[in-house]
Amino acid sequence: MKTIHPSISIFSKNVNILRERKNLTYNQLGRKAGLSGEMIKLLEKGIRSPSLNSALLICEALDTKLTIVLREENQVGELNIQ
């Protein structure tokens, strides 16, 4: 069985919050990040874990930093978009 770090769940939830705040579809965010919309969907649902490269590309596409997206307190929607 594969062990999933708790930060992956935090990342997934926070990417979802930011994507929705920016009114982006999975496909739109995927295009901006150079990934597929299906990959974004799987990442947000916690089905897939992002590589470090994918995580950085997603953060860049959302105009934020990885350190922001990994903050646990942001799970409740208190993310500050920079």
PDB file of N, CA and C in Angstrom:
ATOM      1  N   MET A   1       0.841  -1.190   0.000  1.00  0.00           N
ATOM      2  CA  MET A   1       0.000   0.000   0.000  1.00  0.00           C
ATOM      3  C   MET A   1       0.882   1.248   0.000  1.00  0.00           C
ATOM      4  N   LYS A   2       0.520   2.195  -0.822  1.00  0.00           N
ATOM      5  CA  LYS A   2       1.288   3.430  -0.966  1.00  0.00           C
ATOM      6  C   LYS A   2       0.935   4.412   0.158  1.00  0.00           C
ATOM      7  N   THR A   3       1.951   4.954   0.808  1.00  0.00           N
ATOM      8  CA  THR A   3       1.746   5.951   1.845  1.00  0.00           C
ATOM      9  C   THR A   3       1.651   7.331   1.210  1.00  0.00           C
ATOM     10  N   ILE A   4       0.613   8.069   1.565  1.00  0.00           N
ATOM     11  CA  ILE A   4       0.407   9.420   1.047  1.00  0.00           C
ATOM     12  C   ILE A   4       0.678  10.413   2.176  1.00  0.00           C
ATOM     13  N   HIS A   5       1.552  11.351   1.918  1.00  0.00           N
ATOM     14  CA  HIS A   5       1.866  12.383   2.913  1.00  0.00           C
ATOM     15  C   HIS A   5       0.655  13.297   3.082  1.00  0.00           C
ATOM     16  N   PRO A   6       0.335  13.722   4.311  1.00  0.00           N
ATOM     17  CA  PRO A   6      -0.821  14.610   4.549  1.00  0.00           C
ATOM     18  C   PRO A   6      -0.775  15.913   3.746  1.00  0.00           C
ATOM     19  N   SER A   7       0.417  16.358   3.396  1.00  0.00           N
ATOM     20  CA  SER A   7       0.534  17.600   2.613  1.00  0.00           C
ATOM     21  C   SER A   7      -0.080  17.475   1.230  1.00  0.00           C
ATOM     22  N   ILE A   8      -0.166  16.254   0.701  1.00  0.00           N
ATOM     23  CA  ILE A   8      -0.775  16.057  -0.614  1.00  0.00           C
ATOM     24  C   ILE A   8      -2.258  16.398  -0.545  1.00  0.00           C
ATOM     25  N   SER A   9      -2.912  15.998   0.518  1.00  0.00           N
ATOM     26  CA  SER A   9      -4.327  16.313   0.703  1.00  0.00           C
ATOM     27  C   SER A   9      -4.541  17.823   0.838  1.00  0.00           C
ATOM     28  N   ILE A  10      -3.656  18.457   1.588  1.00  0.00           N
ATOM     29  CA  ILE A  10      -3.732  19.914   1.758  1.00  0.00           C
ATOM     30  C   ILE A  10      -3.542  20.606   0.405  1.00  0.00           C
ATOM     31  N   PHE A  11      -2.535  20.173  -0.346  1.00  0.00           N
ATOM     32  CA  PHE A  11      -2.269  20.729  -1.668  1.00  0.00           C
ATOM     33  C   PHE A  11      -3.511  20.596  -2.546  1.00  0.00           C
ATOM     34  N   SER A  12      -4.096  19.409  -2.573  1.00  0.00           N
ATOM     35  CA  SER A  12      -5.267  19.155  -3.420  1.00  0.00           C
ATOM     36  C   SER A  12      -6.426  20.087  -3.086  1.00  0.00           C
ATOM     37  N   LYS A  13      -6.727  20.220  -1.805  1.00  0.00           N
ATOM     38  CA  LYS A  13      -7.837  21.076  -1.382  1.00  0.00           C
ATOM     39  C   LYS A  13      -7.574  22.538  -1.719  1.00  0.00           C
ATOM     40  N   ASN A  14      -6.351  22.976  -1.493  1.00  0.00           N
ATOM     41  CA  ASN A  14      -6.035  24.379  -1.734  1.00  0.00           C
ATOM     42  C   ASN A  14      -5.966  24.720  -3.221  1.00  0.00           C
ATOM     43  N   VAL A  15      -5.504  23.796  -4.041  1.00  0.00           N
ATOM     44  CA  VAL A  15      -5.533  24.020  -5.493  1.00  0.00           C
ATOM     45  C   VAL A  15      -6.975  24.162  -5.952  1.00  0.00           C
ATOM     46  N   ASN A  16      -7.850  23.316  -5.414  1.00  0.00           N
ATOM     47  CA  ASN A  16      -9.265  23.406  -5.768  1.00  0.00           C
ATOM     48  C   ASN A  16      -9.847  24.764  -5.389  1.00  0.00           C
ATOM     49  N   ILE A  17      -9.531  25.226  -4.198  1.00  0.00           N
ATOM     50  CA  ILE A  17     -10.034  26.527  -3.737  1.00  0.00           C
ATOM     51  C   ILE A  17      -9.545  27.639  -4.662  1.00  0.00           C
ATOM     52  N   LEU A  18      -8.266  27.649  -4.970  1.00  0.00           N
ATOM     53  CA  LEU A  18      -7.708  28.701  -5.823  1.00  0.00           C
ATOM     54  C   LEU A  18      -8.253  28.635  -7.244  1.00  0.00           C
ATOM     55  N   ARG A  19      -8.370  27.432  -7.771  1.00  0.00           N
ATOM     56  CA  ARG A  19      -8.890  27.274  -9.138  1.00  0.00           C
ATOM     57  C   ARG A  19     -10.315  27.809  -9.218  1.00  0.00           C
ATOM     58  N   GLU A  20     -11.132  27.473  -8.243  1.00  0.00           N
ATOM     59  CA  GLU A  20     -12.520  27.959  -8.244  1.00  0.00           C
ATOM     60  C   GLU A  20     -12.596  29.463  -8.030  1.00  0.00           C
ATOM     61  N   ARG A  21     -11.736  30.001  -7.177  1.00  0.00           N
ATOM     62  CA  ARG A  21     -11.724  31.459  -6.965  1.00  0.00           C
ATOM     63  C   ARG A  21     -11.365  32.218  -8.241  1.00  0.00           C
ATOM     64  N   LYS A  22     -10.546  31.602  -9.055  1.00  0.00           N
ATOM     65  CA  LYS A  22     -10.140  32.238 -10.313  1.00  0.00           C
ATOM     66  C   LYS A  22     -11.083  31.863 -11.461  1.00  0.00           C
ATOM     67  N   ASN A  23     -12.162  31.158 -11.120  1.00  0.00           N
ATOM     68  CA  ASN A  23     -13.165  30.748 -12.108  1.00  0.00           C
ATOM     69  C   ASN A  23     -12.548  29.995 -13.280  1.00  0.00           C
ATOM     70  N   LEU A  24     -11.645  29.086 -12.963  1.00  0.00           N
ATOM     71  CA  LEU A  24     -11.004  28.270 -13.987  1.00  0.00           C
ATOM     72  C   LEU A  24     -11.576  26.860 -13.960  1.00  0.00           C
ATOM     73  N   THR A  25     -11.752  26.281 -15.129  1.00  0.00           N
ATOM     74  CA  THR A  25     -12.129  24.873 -15.214  1.00  0.00           C
ATOM     75  C   THR A  25     -10.864  24.036 -15.048  1.00  0.00           C
ATOM     76  N   TYR A  26     -11.041  22.726 -14.914  1.00  0.00           N
ATOM     77  CA  TYR A  26      -9.883  21.835 -14.860  1.00  0.00           C
ATOM     78  C   TYR A  26      -9.039  22.014 -16.124  1.00  0.00           C
ATOM     79  N   ASN A  27      -9.716  22.063 -17.268  1.00  0.00           N
ATOM     80  CA  ASN A  27      -9.003  22.182 -18.543  1.00  0.00           C
ATOM     81  C   ASN A  27      -8.258  23.507 -18.667  1.00  0.00           C
ATOM     82  N   GLN A  28      -8.883  24.586 -18.225  1.00  0.00           N
ATOM     83  CA  GLN A  28      -8.227  25.893 -18.310  1.00  0.00           C
ATOM     84  C   GLN A  28      -6.967  25.934 -17.448  1.00  0.00           C
ATOM     85  N   LEU A  29      -7.074  25.425 -16.220  1.00  0.00           N
ATOM     86  CA  LEU A  29      -5.886  25.399 -15.359  1.00  0.00           C
ATOM     87  C   LEU A  29      -4.842  24.466 -15.946  1.00  0.00           C
ATOM     88  N   GLY A  30      -5.289  23.340 -16.451  1.00  0.00           N
ATOM     89  CA  GLY A  30      -4.357  22.405 -17.071  1.00  0.00           C
ATOM     90  C   GLY A  30      -3.577  23.032 -18.207  1.00  0.00           C
ATOM     91  N   ARG A  31      -4.268  23.755 -19.075  1.00  0.00           N
ATOM     92  CA  ARG A  31      -3.592  24.431 -20.205  1.00  0.00           C
ATOM     93  C   ARG A  31      -2.577  25.443 -19.699  1.00  0.00           C
ATOM     94  N   LYS A  32      -2.968  26.233 -18.696  1.00  0.00           N
ATOM     95  CA  LYS A  32      -2.045  27.237 -18.146  1.00  0.00           C
ATOM     96  C   LYS A  32      -0.801  26.597 -17.533  1.00  0.00           C
ATOM     97  N   ALA A  33      -0.981  25.398 -16.964  1.00  0.00           N
ATOM     98  CA  ALA A  33       0.125  24.715 -16.284  1.00  0.00           C
ATOM     99  C   ALA A  33       0.868  23.746 -17.202  1.00  0.00           C
ATOM    100  N   GLY A  34       0.361  23.548 -18.406  1.00  0.00           N
ATOM    101  CA  GLY A  34       0.996  22.596 -19.312  1.00  0.00           C
ATOM    102  C   GLY A  34       0.679  21.151 -18.956  1.00  0.00           C
ATOM    103  N   LEU A  35      -0.450  20.944 -18.299  1.00  0.00           N
ATOM    104  CA  LEU A  35      -0.901  19.615 -17.894  1.00  0.00           C
ATOM    105  C   LEU A  35      -2.289  19.379 -18.479  1.00  0.00           C
ATOM    106  N   SER A  36      -2.781  18.176 -18.362  1.00  0.00           N
ATOM    107  CA  SER A  36      -4.136  17.906 -18.843  1.00  0.00           C
ATOM    108  C   SER A  36      -5.163  18.308 -17.787  1.00  0.00           C
ATOM    109  N   GLY A  37      -6.351  18.633 -18.244  1.00  0.00           N
ATOM    110  CA  GLY A  37      -7.441  18.923 -17.314  1.00  0.00           C
ATOM    111  C   GLY A  37      -7.771  17.714 -16.467  1.00  0.00           C
ATOM    112  N   GLU A  38      -7.647  16.531 -17.058  1.00  0.00           N
ATOM    113  CA  GLU A  38      -7.899  15.292 -16.317  1.00  0.00           C
ATOM    114  C   GLU A  38      -6.899  15.137 -15.173  1.00  0.00           C
ATOM    115  N   MET A  39      -5.647  15.498 -15.398  1.00  0.00           N
ATOM    116  CA  MET A  39      -4.633  15.424 -14.338  1.00  0.00           C
ATOM    117  C   MET A  39      -4.992  16.371 -13.198  1.00  0.00           C
ATOM    118  N   ILE A  40      -5.424  17.582 -13.530  1.00  0.00           N
ATOM    119  CA  ILE A  40      -5.828  18.546 -12.487  1.00  0.00           C
ATOM    120  C   ILE A  40      -6.968  17.958 -11.674  1.00  0.00           C
ATOM    121  N   LYS A  41      -7.946  17.399 -12.345  1.00  0.00           N
ATOM    122  CA  LYS A  41      -9.099  16.791 -11.667  1.00  0.00           C
ATOM    123  C   LYS A  41      -8.651  15.679 -10.723  1.00  0.00           C
ATOM    124  N   LEU A  42      -7.783  14.791 -11.197  1.00  0.00           N
ATOM    125  CA  LEU A  42      -7.301  13.680 -10.372  1.00  0.00           C
ATOM    126  C   LEU A  42      -6.477  14.171  -9.188  1.00  0.00           C
ATOM    127  N   LEU A  43      -5.701  15.225  -9.397  1.00  0.00           N
ATOM    128  CA  LEU A  43      -4.909  15.805  -8.304  1.00  0.00           C
ATOM    129  C   LEU A  43      -5.826  16.411  -7.245  1.00  0.00           C
ATOM    130  N   GLU A  44      -6.821  17.171  -7.681  1.00  0.00           N
ATOM    131  CA  GLU A  44      -7.733  17.821  -6.738  1.00  0.00           C
ATOM    132  C   GLU A  44      -8.541  16.806  -5.941  1.00  0.00           C
ATOM    133  N   LYS A  45      -8.877  15.708  -6.553  1.00  0.00           N
ATOM    134  CA  LYS A  45      -9.662  14.674  -5.876  1.00  0.00           C
ATOM    135  C   LYS A  45      -8.798  13.752  -5.031  1.00  0.00           C
ATOM    136  N   GLY A  46      -7.480  13.950  -5.060  1.00  0.00           N
ATOM    137  CA  GLY A  46      -6.571  13.145  -4.266  1.00  0.00           C
ATOM    138  C   GLY A  46      -6.323  11.754  -4.822  1.00  0.00           C
ATOM    139  N   ILE A  47      -6.705  11.533  -6.066  1.00  0.00           N
ATOM    140  CA  ILE A  47      -6.503  10.235  -6.711  1.00  0.00           C
ATOM    141  C   ILE A  47      -5.061  10.096  -7.178  1.00  0.00           C
ATOM    142  N   ARG A  48      -4.468  11.190  -7.618  1.00  0.00           N
ATOM    143  CA  ARG A  48      -3.072  11.216  -8.069  1.00  0.00           C
ATOM    144  C   ARG A  48      -2.305  12.203  -7.196  1.00  0.00           C
ATOM    145  N   SER A  49      -1.027  11.946  -7.042  1.00  0.00           N
ATOM    146  CA  SER A  49      -0.139  12.860  -6.329  1.00  0.00           C
ATOM    147  C   SER A  49       0.702  13.594  -7.362  1.00  0.00           C
ATOM    148  N   PRO A  50       0.899  14.892  -7.179  1.00  0.00           N
ATOM    149  CA  PRO A  50       1.689  15.631  -8.161  1.00  0.00           C
ATOM    150  C   PRO A  50       3.185  15.387  -7.986  1.00  0.00           C
ATOM    151  N   SER A  51       3.899  15.424  -9.088  1.00  0.00           N
ATOM    152  CA  SER A  51       5.353  15.484  -8.986  1.00  0.00           C
ATOM    153  C   SER A  51       5.690  16.889  -8.507  1.00  0.00           C
ATOM    154  N   LEU A  52       6.896  17.087  -8.058  1.00  0.00           N
ATOM    155  CA  LEU A  52       7.302  18.428  -7.640  1.00  0.00           C
ATOM    156  C   LEU A  52       7.182  19.391  -8.810  1.00  0.00           C
ATOM    157  N   ASN A  53       7.581  18.945  -9.994  1.00  0.00           N
ATOM    158  CA  ASN A  53       7.499  19.794 -11.178  1.00  0.00           C
ATOM    159  C   ASN A  53       6.048  20.189 -11.466  1.00  0.00           C
ATOM    160  N   SER A  54       5.137  19.228 -11.422  1.00  0.00           N
ATOM    161  CA  SER A  54       3.717  19.524 -11.676  1.00  0.00           C
ATOM    162  C   SER A  54       3.162  20.482 -10.635  1.00  0.00           C
ATOM    163  N   ALA A  55       3.518  20.269  -9.379  1.00  0.00           N
ATOM    164  CA  ALA A  55       3.046  21.150  -8.310  1.00  0.00           C
ATOM    165  C   ALA A  55       3.516  22.579  -8.546  1.00  0.00           C
ATOM    166  N   LEU A  56       4.760  22.734  -8.944  1.00  0.00           N
ATOM    167  CA  LEU A  56       5.295  24.078  -9.211  1.00  0.00           C
ATOM    168  C   LEU A  56       4.623  24.714 -10.429  1.00  0.00           C
ATOM    169  N   LEU A  57       4.372  23.932 -11.462  1.00  0.00           N
ATOM    170  CA  LEU A  57       3.685  24.454 -12.650  1.00  0.00           C
ATOM    171  C   LEU A  57       2.260  24.898 -12.319  1.00  0.00           C
ATOM    172  N   ILE A  58       1.576  24.126 -11.492  1.00  0.00           N
ATOM    173  CA  ILE A  58       0.217  24.484 -11.082  1.00  0.00           C
ATOM    174  C   ILE A  58       0.237  25.769 -10.266  1.00  0.00           C
ATOM    175  N   CYS A  59       1.162  25.872  -9.337  1.00  0.00           N
ATOM    176  CA  CYS A  59       1.257  27.091  -8.524  1.00  0.00           C
ATOM    177  C   CYS A  59       1.552  28.310  -9.396  1.00  0.00           C
ATOM    178  N   GLU A  60       2.445  28.146 -10.340  1.00  0.00           N
ATOM    179  CA  GLU A  60       2.760  29.248 -11.256  1.00  0.00           C
ATOM    180  C   GLU A  60       1.512  29.651 -12.053  1.00  0.00           C
ATOM    181  N   ALA A  61       0.764  28.674 -12.514  1.00  0.00           N
ATOM    182  CA  ALA A  61      -0.455  28.950 -13.280  1.00  0.00           C
ATOM    183  C   ALA A  61      -1.515  29.643 -12.419  1.00  0.00           C
ATOM    184  N   LEU A  62      -1.477  29.401 -11.123  1.00  0.00           N
ATOM    185  CA  LEU A  62      -2.425  30.034 -10.191  1.00  0.00           C
ATOM    186  C   LEU A  62      -1.865  31.322  -9.585  1.00  0.00           C
ATOM    187  N   ASP A  63      -0.694  31.736 -10.031  1.00  0.00           N
ATOM    188  CA  ASP A  63      -0.049  32.959  -9.532  1.00  0.00           C
ATOM    189  C   ASP A  63       0.160  32.925  -8.019  1.00  0.00           C
ATOM    190  N   THR A  64       0.643  31.807  -7.540  1.00  0.00           N
ATOM    191  CA  THR A  64       0.918  31.685  -6.114  1.00  0.00           C
ATOM    192  C   THR A  64       2.180  30.858  -5.918  1.00  0.00           C
ATOM    193  N   LYS A  65       2.574  30.685  -4.673  1.00  0.00           N
ATOM    194  CA  LYS A  65       3.780  29.933  -4.340  1.00  0.00           C
ATOM    195  C   LYS A  65       3.401  28.600  -3.704  1.00  0.00           C
ATOM    196  N   LEU A  66       4.257  27.627  -3.901  1.00  0.00           N
ATOM    197  CA  LEU A  66       4.015  26.307  -3.332  1.00  0.00           C
ATOM    198  C   LEU A  66       3.881  26.379  -1.810  1.00  0.00           C
ATOM    199  N   THR A  67       4.670  27.210  -1.168  1.00  0.00           N
ATOM    200  CA  THR A  67       4.603  27.322   0.292  1.00  0.00           C
ATOM    201  C   THR A  67       3.223  27.806   0.753  1.00  0.00           C
ATOM    202  N   ILE A  68       2.580  28.629  -0.066  1.00  0.00           N
ATOM    203  CA  ILE A  68       1.230  29.110   0.264  1.00  0.00           C
ATOM    204  C   ILE A  68       0.222  27.971   0.125  1.00  0.00           C
ATOM    205  N   VAL A  69       0.321  27.217  -0.955  1.00  0.00           N
ATOM    206  CA  VAL A  69      -0.650  26.160  -1.242  1.00  0.00           C
ATOM    207  C   VAL A  69      -0.523  24.991  -0.259  1.00  0.00           C
ATOM    208  N   LEU A  70       0.623  24.866   0.390  1.00  0.00           N
ATOM    209  CA  LEU A  70       0.821  23.772   1.340  1.00  0.00           C
ATOM    210  C   LEU A  70       0.459  24.130   2.778  1.00  0.00           C
ATOM    211  N   ARG A  71       0.010  25.337   3.013  1.00  0.00           N
ATOM    212  CA  ARG A  71      -0.319  25.749   4.376  1.00  0.00           C
ATOM    213  C   ARG A  71      -1.619  25.105   4.832  1.00  0.00           C
ATOM    214  N   GLU A  72      -1.534  24.366   5.902  1.00  0.00           N
ATOM    215  CA  GLU A  72      -2.687  23.620   6.396  1.00  0.00           C
ATOM    216  C   GLU A  72      -3.849  24.522   6.787  1.00  0.00           C
ATOM    217  N   GLU A  73      -3.575  25.661   7.372  1.00  0.00           N
ATOM    218  CA  GLU A  73      -4.653  26.546   7.807  1.00  0.00           C
ATOM    219  C   GLU A  73      -5.486  27.060   6.640  1.00  0.00           C
ATOM    220  N   ASN A  74      -4.964  26.907   5.433  1.00  0.00           N
ATOM    221  CA  ASN A  74      -5.683  27.391   4.258  1.00  0.00           C
ATOM    222  C   ASN A  74      -6.756  26.420   3.784  1.00  0.00           C
ATOM    223  N   GLN A  75      -6.880  25.274   4.391  1.00  0.00           N
ATOM    224  CA  GLN A  75      -7.878  24.304   3.970  1.00  0.00           C
ATOM    225  C   GLN A  75      -9.294  24.852   4.068  1.00  0.00           C
ATOM    226  N   VAL A  76      -9.528  25.782   4.952  1.00  0.00           N
ATOM    227  CA  VAL A  76     -10.874  26.309   5.148  1.00  0.00           C
ATOM    228  C   VAL A  76     -11.178  27.490   4.232  1.00  0.00           C
ATOM    229  N   GLY A  77     -10.330  27.728   3.272  1.00  0.00           N
ATOM    230  CA  GLY A  77     -10.607  28.768   2.294  1.00  0.00           C
ATOM    231  C   GLY A  77     -10.047  30.127   2.624  1.00  0.00           C
ATOM    232  N   GLU A  78      -9.065  30.191   3.486  1.00  0.00           N
ATOM    233  CA  GLU A  78      -8.491  31.469   3.878  1.00  0.00           C
ATOM    234  C   GLU A  78      -7.253  31.815   3.062  1.00  0.00           C
ATOM    235  N   LEU A  79      -7.120  31.227   1.884  1.00  0.00           N
ATOM    236  CA  LEU A  79      -5.970  31.492   1.042  1.00  0.00           C
ATOM    237  C   LEU A  79      -5.936  32.946   0.589  1.00  0.00           C
ATOM    238  N   ASN A  80      -4.760  33.513   0.637  1.00  0.00           N
ATOM    239  CA  ASN A  80      -4.562  34.849   0.097  1.00  0.00           C
ATOM    240  C   ASN A  80      -3.932  34.707  -1.273  1.00  0.00           C
ATOM    241  N   ILE A  81      -4.606  35.186  -2.272  1.00  0.00           N
ATOM    242  CA  ILE A  81      -4.048  35.132  -3.623  1.00  0.00           C
ATOM    243  C   ILE A  81      -3.108  36.299  -3.777  1.00  0.00           C
ATOM    244  N   GLN A  82      -1.873  35.988  -4.145  1.00  0.00           N
ATOM    245  CA  GLN A  82      -0.866  37.040  -4.261  1.00  0.00           C
ATOM    246  C   GLN A  82      -0.718  37.492  -5.666  1.00  0.00           C
TER     247      GLN A  82
END
